Amino acid sequence: MRNPPTVGFISLGCPKALVDSEKILTRLRSEGYTIAATYQGADLVVVNTCGFIDAAVEESLDSIGEALAANGKVIVTGCLGAREADIRARHPAVLKVTGAHALEQVVSAVHEHLPPLHDPFTHLVPPQGIKLTPKHYAYIKISEGCNHRCTFCIIPSLRGDLVSRPVDDVLLEAERLAQAGVNELLVISQDTSAYGVDLGYAERGWRGRAVQTRFYDLAQALGELGIWVRLHYVYPYPHVDAVIPLMAEGKILPYLDIPFQHASSRILKLMKRPAASENNLQRIQSWRRVCPDITLRSTFIVGFPGETEREFEALLNFLTEAQLDRVGCFAYSPVQGAVANHLPDAVPEAVKQERLARFMAHQAAISAARLQNRIGRVETVLVDEVVPEGAVARSQADAPEIDGQVFIDGATHLKPGDFVQVAFEDADEHDVWARLV
């Protein structure tokens, strides 16, 4: 028999794209393909691209070129795949281009250019599938696409309208992950709080009872698995209030990732953001009354077309009042195909960068003060890595890759995936230093 066919894989972009990559790899592995760690060790390479902003597009095109130069046989998938002409203009030698969440098309292209050795053997793949994250945490994608048409975003044109997974399908995957040793599930989608609206919140059977395909019901059921459950990409609709008691009761993590994007109602309407008219400060205050330990993460855009200095200063005032724990910010950048490209009163690039710097400095002071308030507390943390100096962990307030870390000096006996109790001793604007209790 010939050697098993070998595929190299590059996964770019957001966690939603990472989940797509995991599904493709799981399918290929089940069909007898092996996964190579280098270009030279692969018979062909799949590049899962990002096309959200210009910098991501350029990174994707560069990665395709690198794979072509080093290997020569490349299949392209992902969000940038919706712009096949742009890809082929730069790299005409690619074997195949597909769009986002195109599992069957990618696998078919691999079959065409690198036939499988045999029919699928399911025992080659663990029940939880192939994961690209460390063994102790995993992303779980509950839906594809988005029903909103934010003017700065082209995701619906890349991934389509909202398509929710049935709730029992999601819960079965979550249960398998927990049984495989995953200690933290990160729930992701384009619009997590809209989960199930396209299915009419259909009921499905789960563990002998009926569960609706609905945001609250999913969070409640996931909270029964006995592991950390972290909610990402949650729009601030009123019904989100219902999950806060689950956080206060310790069923799911007291953590919400809510992309507010701005504080000016006029700018939010120009952005066509959902829930643009909601009183977010009032909602934040009510959440903290129910769950004082809740961690709030958000992202914002400064320099959006038409943004005035007064509106930017109102955004800074919002940060002061909201006291968000974790914040990211981007200077507005035109994206090919976005409606916002045609809005009047573009903000000069120098002004955008100056506002970005002011925003980040303002929020850094808030973040540092909030972390200082945690000094002396004893909390449970999850170990991510052990290095010569000690263990690197995360608290309930920290999502992997995007939030802070907890450094435990000398704790080299720990293992990734361990839950341990620590006392917080010092902090900067992002990270905490702690000792084992």
Protein backbone atom coordinates (compact mmCIF):
# COMPACT_ATOMS: atom_id res chain seq x y z
CA MET A 1 0.00 0.00 0.00
CA ARG A 2 1.12 3.56 -0.66
CA ASN A 3 1.78 5.91 2.22
CA PRO A 4 -1.24 7.79 3.61
CA PRO A 5 -1.86 11.09 1.78
CA THR A 6 -0.76 14.07 3.84
CA VAL A 7 -2.37 17.51 4.08
CA GLY A 8 -0.89 20.71 5.45
CA PHE A 9 -3.24 23.28 6.92
CA ILE A 10 -3.10 27.03 7.60
CA SER A 11 -6.00 28.48 9.61
CA LEU A 12 -6.32 32.27 9.70
CA GLY A 13 -8.89 34.63 11.15
CA CYS A 14 -11.40 34.37 13.98
CA PRO A 15 -12.45 31.43 16.20
CA LYS A 16 -15.41 30.80 13.89
CA ALA A 17 -12.95 30.11 11.07
CA LEU A 18 -10.92 27.94 13.45
CA VAL A 19 -13.99 25.76 14.04
CA ASP A 20 -14.41 25.41 10.27
CA SER A 21 -10.78 24.28 10.07
CA GLU A 22 -11.34 21.72 12.83
CA LYS A 23 -14.31 20.24 10.96
CA ILE A 24 -12.34 19.96 7.73
CA LEU A 25 -9.42 18.31 9.52
CA THR A 26 -11.75 15.93 11.36
CA ARG A 27 -13.30 14.82 8.08
CA LEU A 28 -9.94 14.39 6.34
CA ARG A 29 -8.48 12.50 9.28
CA SER A 30 -11.48 10.15 9.30
CA GLU A 31 -10.76 9.37 5.65
CA GLY A 32 -7.20 8.31 6.40
CA TYR A 33 -5.34 11.53 5.61
CA THR A 34 -2.50 12.51 7.91
CA ILE A 35 -1.81 16.11 8.89
CA ALA A 36 1.62 17.60 8.20
CA ALA A 37 3.33 20.24 10.33
CA THR A 38 5.46 21.60 7.47
CA TYR A 39 4.96 22.55 3.84
CA GLN A 40 7.61 20.06 2.79
CA GLY A 41 5.89 17.20 4.61
CA ALA A 42 2.55 17.77 2.90
CA ASP A 43 1.26 16.49 -0.41
CA LEU A 44 -0.93 19.61 -0.65
CA VAL A 45 -1.87 22.56 1.58
CA VAL A 46 -5.28 23.98 2.52
CA VAL A 47 -5.37 27.68 3.48
CA ASN A 48 -8.44 28.84 5.42
CA THR A 49 -8.48 32.60 4.83
CA CYS A 50 -9.90 35.71 6.48
CA GLY A 51 -11.36 38.56 4.44
CA PHE A 52 -12.83 40.84 7.09
CA ILE A 53 -10.47 43.84 6.87
CA ASP A 54 -7.75 44.86 4.43
CA ALA A 55 -4.91 43.75 6.72
CA ALA A 56 -6.48 40.29 7.05
CA VAL A 57 -6.92 40.07 3.27
CA GLU A 58 -3.25 40.87 2.74
CA GLU A 59 -2.17 38.34 5.36
CA SER A 60 -4.31 35.69 3.65
CA LEU A 61 -2.90 36.47 0.20
CA ASP A 62 0.65 36.39 1.59
CA SER A 63 -0.02 33.01 3.24
CA ILE A 64 -1.36 31.58 -0.01
CA GLY A 65 1.76 32.78 -1.80
CA GLU A 66 4.03 31.32 0.85
CA ALA A 67 2.28 27.94 0.62
CA LEU A 68 2.50 27.96 -3.17
CA ALA A 69 6.19 28.80 -3.09
CA ALA A 70 7.01 26.12 -0.50
CA ASN A 71 4.64 23.36 -1.61
CA GLY A 72 3.09 24.17 -4.98
CA LYS A 73 -0.33 22.56 -4.44
CA VAL A 74 -2.77 24.81 -2.60
CA ILE A 75 -6.54 24.79 -1.99
CA VAL A 76 -8.06 28.02 -0.67
CA THR A 77 -11.19 28.27 1.48
CA GLY A 78 -12.68 30.70 4.01
CA CYS A 79 -14.11 34.21 3.91
CA LEU A 80 -11.70 35.58 1.31
CA GLY A 81 -12.80 32.75 -0.96
CA ALA A 82 -15.90 34.82 -1.76
CA ARG A 83 -13.52 37.00 -3.79
CA GLU A 84 -12.05 34.29 -6.01
CA ALA A 85 -11.11 36.73 -8.76
CA ASP A 86 -8.90 38.71 -6.35
CA ILE A 87 -7.19 35.51 -5.20
CA ARG A 88 -6.55 34.24 -8.72
CA ALA A 89 -5.32 37.65 -9.86
CA ARG A 90 -2.50 37.35 -7.33
CA HIS A 91 -2.15 33.56 -7.31
CA PRO A 92 -3.49 31.94 -10.50
CA ALA A 93 -1.87 28.59 -9.65
CA VAL A 94 -4.18 27.72 -6.74
CA LEU A 95 -5.98 24.42 -7.34
CA LYS A 96 -9.41 25.38 -5.99
CA VAL A 97 -11.13 28.31 -4.24
CA THR A 98 -14.22 27.90 -2.03
CA GLY A 99 -16.09 30.25 0.29
CA ALA A 100 -16.59 30.08 4.05
CA HIS A 101 -17.97 27.00 5.92
CA ALA A 102 -17.63 24.93 2.73
CA LEU A 103 -16.74 21.55 4.23
CA GLU A 104 -17.98 19.39 1.37
CA GLN A 105 -16.40 21.54 -1.35
CA VAL A 106 -13.02 21.55 0.39
CA VAL A 107 -13.06 17.80 0.98
CA SER A 108 -14.11 17.19 -2.63
CA ALA A 109 -11.23 19.35 -3.85
CA VAL A 110 -8.79 17.39 -1.68
CA HIS A 111 -10.22 14.14 -3.08
CA GLU A 112 -9.76 15.42 -6.64
CA HIS A 113 -6.13 16.46 -6.25
CA LEU A 114 -5.08 13.96 -3.56
CA PRO A 115 -7.30 10.86 -3.53
CA PRO A 116 -7.86 9.15 -0.16
CA LEU A 117 -6.12 5.90 0.63
CA HIS A 118 -9.32 4.12 1.68
CA ASP A 119 -12.93 4.63 2.71
CA PRO A 120 -13.48 6.41 6.05
CA PHE A 121 -12.56 4.53 9.25
CA THR A 122 -14.35 6.27 12.07
CA HIS A 123 -12.02 4.83 14.69
CA LEU A 124 -9.25 7.04 13.32
CA VAL A 125 -10.99 10.08 14.81
CA PRO A 126 -11.85 10.67 18.48
CA PRO A 127 -15.56 11.32 19.23
CA GLN A 128 -14.93 15.03 19.80
CA GLY A 129 -13.22 15.41 16.42
CA ILE A 130 -9.87 17.02 15.59
CA LYS A 131 -9.21 20.18 17.59
CA LEU A 132 -6.66 22.93 16.97
CA THR A 133 -6.93 24.30 20.50
CA PRO A 134 -5.20 22.84 23.57
CA LYS A 135 -6.97 19.77 24.95
CA HIS A 136 -8.51 21.57 27.91
CA TYR A 137 -10.58 24.17 26.05
CA ALA A 138 -12.54 24.27 22.80
CA TYR A 139 -14.69 26.58 20.73
CA ILE A 140 -18.21 25.44 19.93
CA LYS A 141 -19.97 27.20 17.06
CA ILE A 142 -23.74 27.32 17.44
CA SER A 143 -24.70 29.04 14.18
CA GLU A 144 -23.43 30.40 10.89
CA GLY A 145 -24.06 33.76 9.26
CA CYS A 146 -25.87 36.87 10.46
CA ASN A 147 -29.20 38.58 9.77
CA HIS A 148 -27.86 42.08 10.41
CA ARG A 149 -26.43 44.42 7.82
CA CYS A 150 -23.95 46.55 9.75
CA THR A 151 -22.53 49.09 7.32
CA PHE A 152 -18.88 48.40 8.17
CA CYS A 153 -19.21 44.60 7.90
CA ILE A 154 -19.31 42.19 4.95
CA ILE A 155 -19.78 38.99 6.96
CA PRO A 156 -23.34 38.34 5.63
CA SER A 157 -22.04 38.52 2.06
CA LEU A 158 -19.31 36.03 3.00
CA ARG A 159 -21.22 33.68 5.29
CA GLY A 160 -24.89 34.35 4.53
CA ASP A 161 -27.86 34.84 6.83
CA LEU A 162 -28.23 33.26 10.26
CA VAL A 163 -28.41 29.45 10.23
CA SER A 164 -28.64 27.98 13.73
CA ARG A 165 -27.67 24.44 14.64
CA PRO A 166 -30.43 22.44 16.40
CA VAL A 167 -29.90 22.64 20.15
CA ASP A 168 -29.54 18.88 20.65
CA ASP A 169 -26.80 18.80 18.01
CA VAL A 170 -24.87 21.51 19.87
CA LEU A 171 -25.39 19.86 23.25
CA LEU A 172 -24.23 16.46 21.97
CA GLU A 173 -21.01 18.01 20.68
CA ALA A 174 -20.54 19.86 23.98
CA GLU A 175 -21.08 16.66 25.97
CA ARG A 176 -18.52 14.77 23.88
CA LEU A 177 -16.01 17.54 24.38
CA ALA A 178 -16.55 17.50 28.13
CA GLN A 179 -16.17 13.72 28.21
CA ALA A 180 -12.90 14.07 26.27
CA GLY A 181 -11.42 16.27 29.00
CA VAL A 182 -12.33 19.77 27.81
CA ASN A 183 -12.69 22.01 30.88
CA GLU A 184 -13.83 25.18 29.11
CA LEU A 185 -16.27 25.71 26.24
CA LEU A 186 -16.23 29.01 24.38
CA VAL A 187 -19.58 29.56 22.67
CA ILE A 188 -19.19 31.44 19.38
CA SER A 189 -21.23 32.57 16.39
CA GLN A 190 -21.78 35.83 14.51
CA ASP A 191 -24.72 36.72 16.78
CA THR A 192 -24.99 34.39 19.77
CA SER A 193 -28.01 36.06 21.35
CA ALA A 194 -30.04 35.58 18.12
CA TYR A 195 -29.50 31.82 18.32
CA GLY A 196 -32.53 29.85 17.16
CA VAL A 197 -34.61 32.71 15.76
CA ASP A 198 -34.36 31.23 12.25
CA LEU A 199 -35.65 27.88 13.53
CA GLY A 200 -38.58 29.40 15.39
CA TYR A 201 -36.90 28.30 18.65
CA ALA A 202 -37.81 24.69 17.80
CA GLU A 203 -37.95 22.19 20.66
CA ARG A 204 -35.62 19.19 20.64
CA GLY A 205 -35.18 16.30 23.04
CA TRP A 206 -32.21 16.36 25.37
CA ARG A 207 -31.58 14.10 28.39
CA GLY A 208 -35.22 13.13 28.55
CA ARG A 209 -36.70 16.61 28.37
CA ALA A 210 -37.65 19.20 25.78
CA VAL A 211 -35.16 22.02 25.22
CA GLN A 212 -35.81 24.96 22.91
CA THR A 213 -33.27 26.07 20.32
CA ARG A 214 -32.93 29.37 22.13
CA PHE A 215 -30.12 31.43 23.70
CA TYR A 216 -31.27 30.99 27.31
CA ASP A 217 -32.12 27.29 27.02
CA LEU A 218 -28.76 26.54 25.44
CA ALA A 219 -26.87 28.43 28.17
CA GLN A 220 -28.88 26.66 30.88
CA ALA A 221 -28.25 23.19 29.40
CA LEU A 222 -24.54 23.85 28.86
CA GLY A 223 -24.35 24.91 32.50
CA GLU A 224 -25.23 21.34 33.51
CA LEU A 225 -21.99 19.90 32.08
CA GLY A 226 -19.91 20.95 35.10
CA ILE A 227 -17.27 22.83 33.11
CA TRP A 228 -16.60 26.49 32.33
CA VAL A 229 -18.95 27.92 29.69
CA ARG A 230 -18.00 31.31 28.22
CA LEU A 231 -20.32 33.35 25.97
CA HIS A 232 -18.91 35.36 23.07
CA TYR A 233 -20.38 37.74 20.45
CA VAL A 234 -23.55 38.51 22.41
CA TYR A 235 -25.56 41.50 21.18
CA PRO A 236 -27.18 43.45 24.05
CA TYR A 237 -30.80 42.51 23.38
CA PRO A 238 -33.18 42.69 26.38
CA HIS A 239 -33.53 38.89 26.55
CA VAL A 240 -29.81 38.61 27.40
CA ASP A 241 -30.80 39.77 30.90
CA ALA A 242 -32.25 36.30 31.55
CA VAL A 243 -28.85 34.55 31.51
CA ILE A 244 -27.29 36.81 34.17
CA PRO A 245 -28.88 34.83 37.06
CA LEU A 246 -27.26 31.67 35.62
CA MET A 247 -23.93 33.46 36.03
CA ALA A 248 -24.75 34.58 39.57
CA GLU A 249 -25.61 30.95 40.44
CA GLY A 250 -22.30 29.67 39.04
CA LYS A 251 -23.93 27.67 36.23
CA ILE A 252 -21.98 29.47 33.47
CA LEU A 253 -19.05 31.86 33.70
CA PRO A 254 -19.89 35.43 34.76
CA TYR A 255 -18.51 36.75 31.47
CA LEU A 256 -20.12 38.47 28.50
CA ASP A 257 -18.38 39.45 25.28
CA ILE A 258 -20.61 42.20 23.84
CA PRO A 259 -19.43 44.20 20.79
CA PHE A 260 -20.91 47.61 21.64
CA GLN A 261 -18.82 49.30 18.87
CA HIS A 262 -19.71 52.86 19.95
CA ALA A 263 -21.64 54.94 22.48
CA SER A 264 -23.12 57.58 20.18
CA SER A 265 -26.65 56.68 19.08
CA ARG A 266 -26.11 58.62 15.83
CA ILE A 267 -22.94 56.70 14.97
CA LEU A 268 -24.58 53.40 15.94
CA LYS A 269 -27.44 54.16 13.57
CA LEU A 270 -24.96 55.00 10.81
CA MET A 271 -23.36 51.63 11.56
CA LYS A 272 -26.85 50.03 11.48
CA ARG A 273 -26.04 48.23 14.69
CA PRO A 274 -28.73 46.07 16.28
CA ALA A 275 -29.92 47.33 19.66
CA ALA A 276 -28.59 50.80 18.73
CA SER A 277 -31.33 52.48 20.74
CA GLU A 278 -30.80 50.42 23.89
CA ASN A 279 -29.61 52.13 27.07
CA ASN A 280 -26.47 50.06 27.48
CA LEU A 281 -25.25 51.82 30.62
CA GLN A 282 -28.53 51.06 32.34
CA ARG A 283 -28.34 47.43 31.24
CA ILE A 284 -24.73 47.09 32.48
CA GLN A 285 -25.75 48.47 35.88
CA SER A 286 -28.64 46.02 36.12
CA TRP A 287 -26.37 43.09 35.21
CA ARG A 288 -23.93 44.06 37.96
CA ARG A 289 -26.72 44.29 40.51
CA VAL A 290 -27.67 40.68 39.74
CA CYS A 291 -24.09 39.40 39.32
CA PRO A 292 -21.51 41.73 40.89
CA ASP A 293 -18.59 39.58 39.66
CA ILE A 294 -19.58 39.71 35.99
CA THR A 295 -16.73 40.47 33.56
CA LEU A 296 -17.68 42.57 30.54
CA ARG A 297 -15.58 42.52 27.38
CA SER A 298 -16.31 44.65 24.33
CA THR A 299 -14.88 46.02 21.11
CA PHE A 300 -15.21 49.50 19.62
CA ILE A 301 -14.50 51.35 16.40
CA VAL A 302 -13.13 54.90 16.41
CA GLY A 303 -12.91 57.20 13.42
CA PHE A 304 -16.06 55.86 11.77
CA PRO A 305 -17.19 58.17 8.92
CA GLY A 306 -18.87 61.22 10.39
CA GLU A 307 -17.60 60.72 13.94
CA THR A 308 -17.08 64.13 15.54
CA GLU A 309 -14.69 65.02 18.33
CA ARG A 310 -17.67 65.48 20.63
CA GLU A 311 -18.96 61.99 19.81
CA PHE A 312 -15.54 60.52 20.40
CA GLU A 313 -15.35 62.25 23.78
CA ALA A 314 -18.80 60.84 24.57
CA LEU A 315 -17.35 57.41 23.88
CA LEU A 316 -14.55 58.06 26.39
CA ASN A 317 -17.17 59.17 28.92
CA PHE A 318 -19.08 55.95 28.28
CA LEU A 319 -15.93 53.95 29.09
CA THR A 320 -15.54 55.87 32.33
CA GLU A 321 -19.14 55.20 33.36
CA ALA A 322 -19.36 51.62 32.10
CA GLN A 323 -16.07 50.49 33.70
CA LEU A 324 -15.70 47.61 31.26
CA ASP A 325 -13.12 45.01 32.22
CA ARG A 326 -11.70 44.02 28.84
CA VAL A 327 -11.80 46.24 25.76
CA GLY A 328 -10.44 46.09 22.23
CA CYS A 329 -10.53 48.92 19.72
CA PHE A 330 -9.93 49.41 16.00
CA ALA A 331 -9.49 52.50 13.91
CA TYR A 332 -12.11 52.36 11.18
CA SER A 333 -10.73 50.83 7.99
CA PRO A 334 -12.67 50.60 4.70
CA VAL A 335 -13.51 47.04 3.70
CA GLN A 336 -14.16 46.17 0.07
CA GLY A 337 -17.91 45.81 -0.40
CA ALA A 338 -18.94 47.55 2.84
CA VAL A 339 -21.71 50.17 2.68
CA ALA A 340 -19.81 52.46 5.07
CA ASN A 341 -17.22 53.09 2.35
CA HIS A 342 -19.71 55.45 0.72
CA LEU A 343 -20.69 57.43 3.82
CA PRO A 344 -19.72 61.14 3.81
CA ASP A 345 -17.35 62.97 6.15
CA ALA A 346 -14.49 60.47 6.28
CA VAL A 347 -12.24 60.98 9.29
CA PRO A 348 -8.60 61.69 8.35
CA GLU A 349 -6.23 58.82 9.05
CA ALA A 350 -4.10 60.89 11.43
CA VAL A 351 -7.18 61.77 13.47
CA LYS A 352 -8.28 58.13 13.56
CA GLN A 353 -4.90 57.02 14.89
CA GLU A 354 -4.80 59.83 17.45
CA ARG A 355 -8.25 58.85 18.71
CA LEU A 356 -7.26 55.19 18.84
CA ALA A 357 -4.23 56.05 21.01
CA ARG A 358 -6.35 58.19 23.34
CA PHE A 359 -8.99 55.49 23.58
CA MET A 360 -6.49 52.77 24.47
CA ALA A 361 -4.73 54.95 27.07
CA HIS A 362 -8.07 55.85 28.64
CA GLN A 363 -9.20 52.22 28.83
CA ALA A 364 -5.78 51.01 30.06
CA ALA A 365 -6.18 53.16 33.18
CA ILE A 366 -9.66 51.73 33.77
CA SER A 367 -8.49 48.14 33.27
CA ALA A 368 -5.50 48.63 35.59
CA ALA A 369 -7.73 50.07 38.33
CA ARG A 370 -10.23 47.22 38.03
CA LEU A 371 -7.47 44.62 38.26
CA GLN A 372 -5.99 46.37 41.31
CA ASN A 373 -9.37 45.92 43.00
CA ARG A 374 -8.92 42.16 42.65
CA ILE A 375 -5.62 42.10 44.56
CA GLY A 376 -6.01 39.94 47.66
CA ARG A 377 -8.88 37.88 46.25
CA VAL A 378 -8.72 34.10 46.09
CA GLU A 379 -10.06 32.69 42.81
CA THR A 380 -10.06 29.47 40.80
CA VAL A 381 -7.93 29.64 37.66
CA LEU A 382 -7.41 27.28 34.72
CA VAL A 383 -3.82 26.42 33.81
CA ASP A 384 -2.98 26.90 30.12
CA GLU A 385 0.77 26.32 30.07
CA VAL A 386 3.72 25.44 32.28
CA VAL A 387 7.02 27.21 31.61
CA PRO A 388 10.37 27.13 33.47
CA GLU A 389 9.31 30.08 35.65
CA GLY A 390 5.95 28.59 36.67
CA ALA A 391 2.40 28.21 35.40
CA VAL A 392 0.45 30.48 33.05
CA ALA A 393 -3.27 30.40 33.77
CA ARG A 394 -6.52 32.28 33.21
CA SER A 395 -9.22 33.35 35.61
CA GLN A 396 -12.95 33.33 34.91
CA ALA A 397 -12.47 36.89 33.63
CA ASP A 398 -10.04 35.86 30.89
CA ALA A 399 -10.80 34.28 27.53
CA PRO A 400 -7.84 32.68 25.72
CA GLU A 401 -5.86 34.72 23.22
CA ILE A 402 -7.76 38.00 23.75
CA ASP A 403 -7.75 38.70 27.51
CA GLY A 404 -5.18 38.71 30.29
CA GLN A 405 -3.27 35.92 32.00
CA VAL A 406 -2.49 34.85 35.55
CA PHE A 407 1.17 34.08 36.25
CA ILE A 408 1.91 31.67 39.12
CA ASP A 409 5.63 31.77 39.91
CA GLY A 410 7.29 28.46 40.70
CA ALA A 411 4.21 26.29 40.08
CA THR A 412 6.00 23.99 37.65
CA HIS A 413 4.31 20.87 39.06
CA LEU A 414 0.96 21.86 37.57
CA LYS A 415 -0.39 20.64 34.22
CA PRO A 416 -2.37 22.36 31.45
CA GLY A 417 -6.04 21.88 32.18
CA ASP A 418 -5.66 21.92 35.97
CA PHE A 419 -8.04 24.01 38.05
CA VAL A 420 -6.23 25.55 41.05
CA GLN A 421 -6.97 28.20 43.64
CA VAL A 422 -4.67 31.21 43.80
CA ALA A 423 -4.42 34.49 45.68
CA PHE A 424 -3.91 37.57 43.50
CA GLU A 425 -0.86 39.56 44.60
CA ASP A 426 -0.07 42.07 41.83
CA ALA A 427 -1.41 43.29 38.49
CA ASP A 428 -0.82 45.65 35.59
CA GLU A 429 -3.45 46.82 33.08
CA HIS A 430 -3.85 43.33 31.57
CA ASP A 431 -2.31 40.53 33.65
CA VAL A 432 -2.23 39.29 37.25
CA TRP A 433 0.50 37.66 39.34
CA ALA A 434 -0.60 35.15 41.94
CA ARG A 435 0.49 32.47 44.37
CA LEU A 436 -1.02 29.06 44.98
CA VAL A 437 -3.32 28.78 47.98
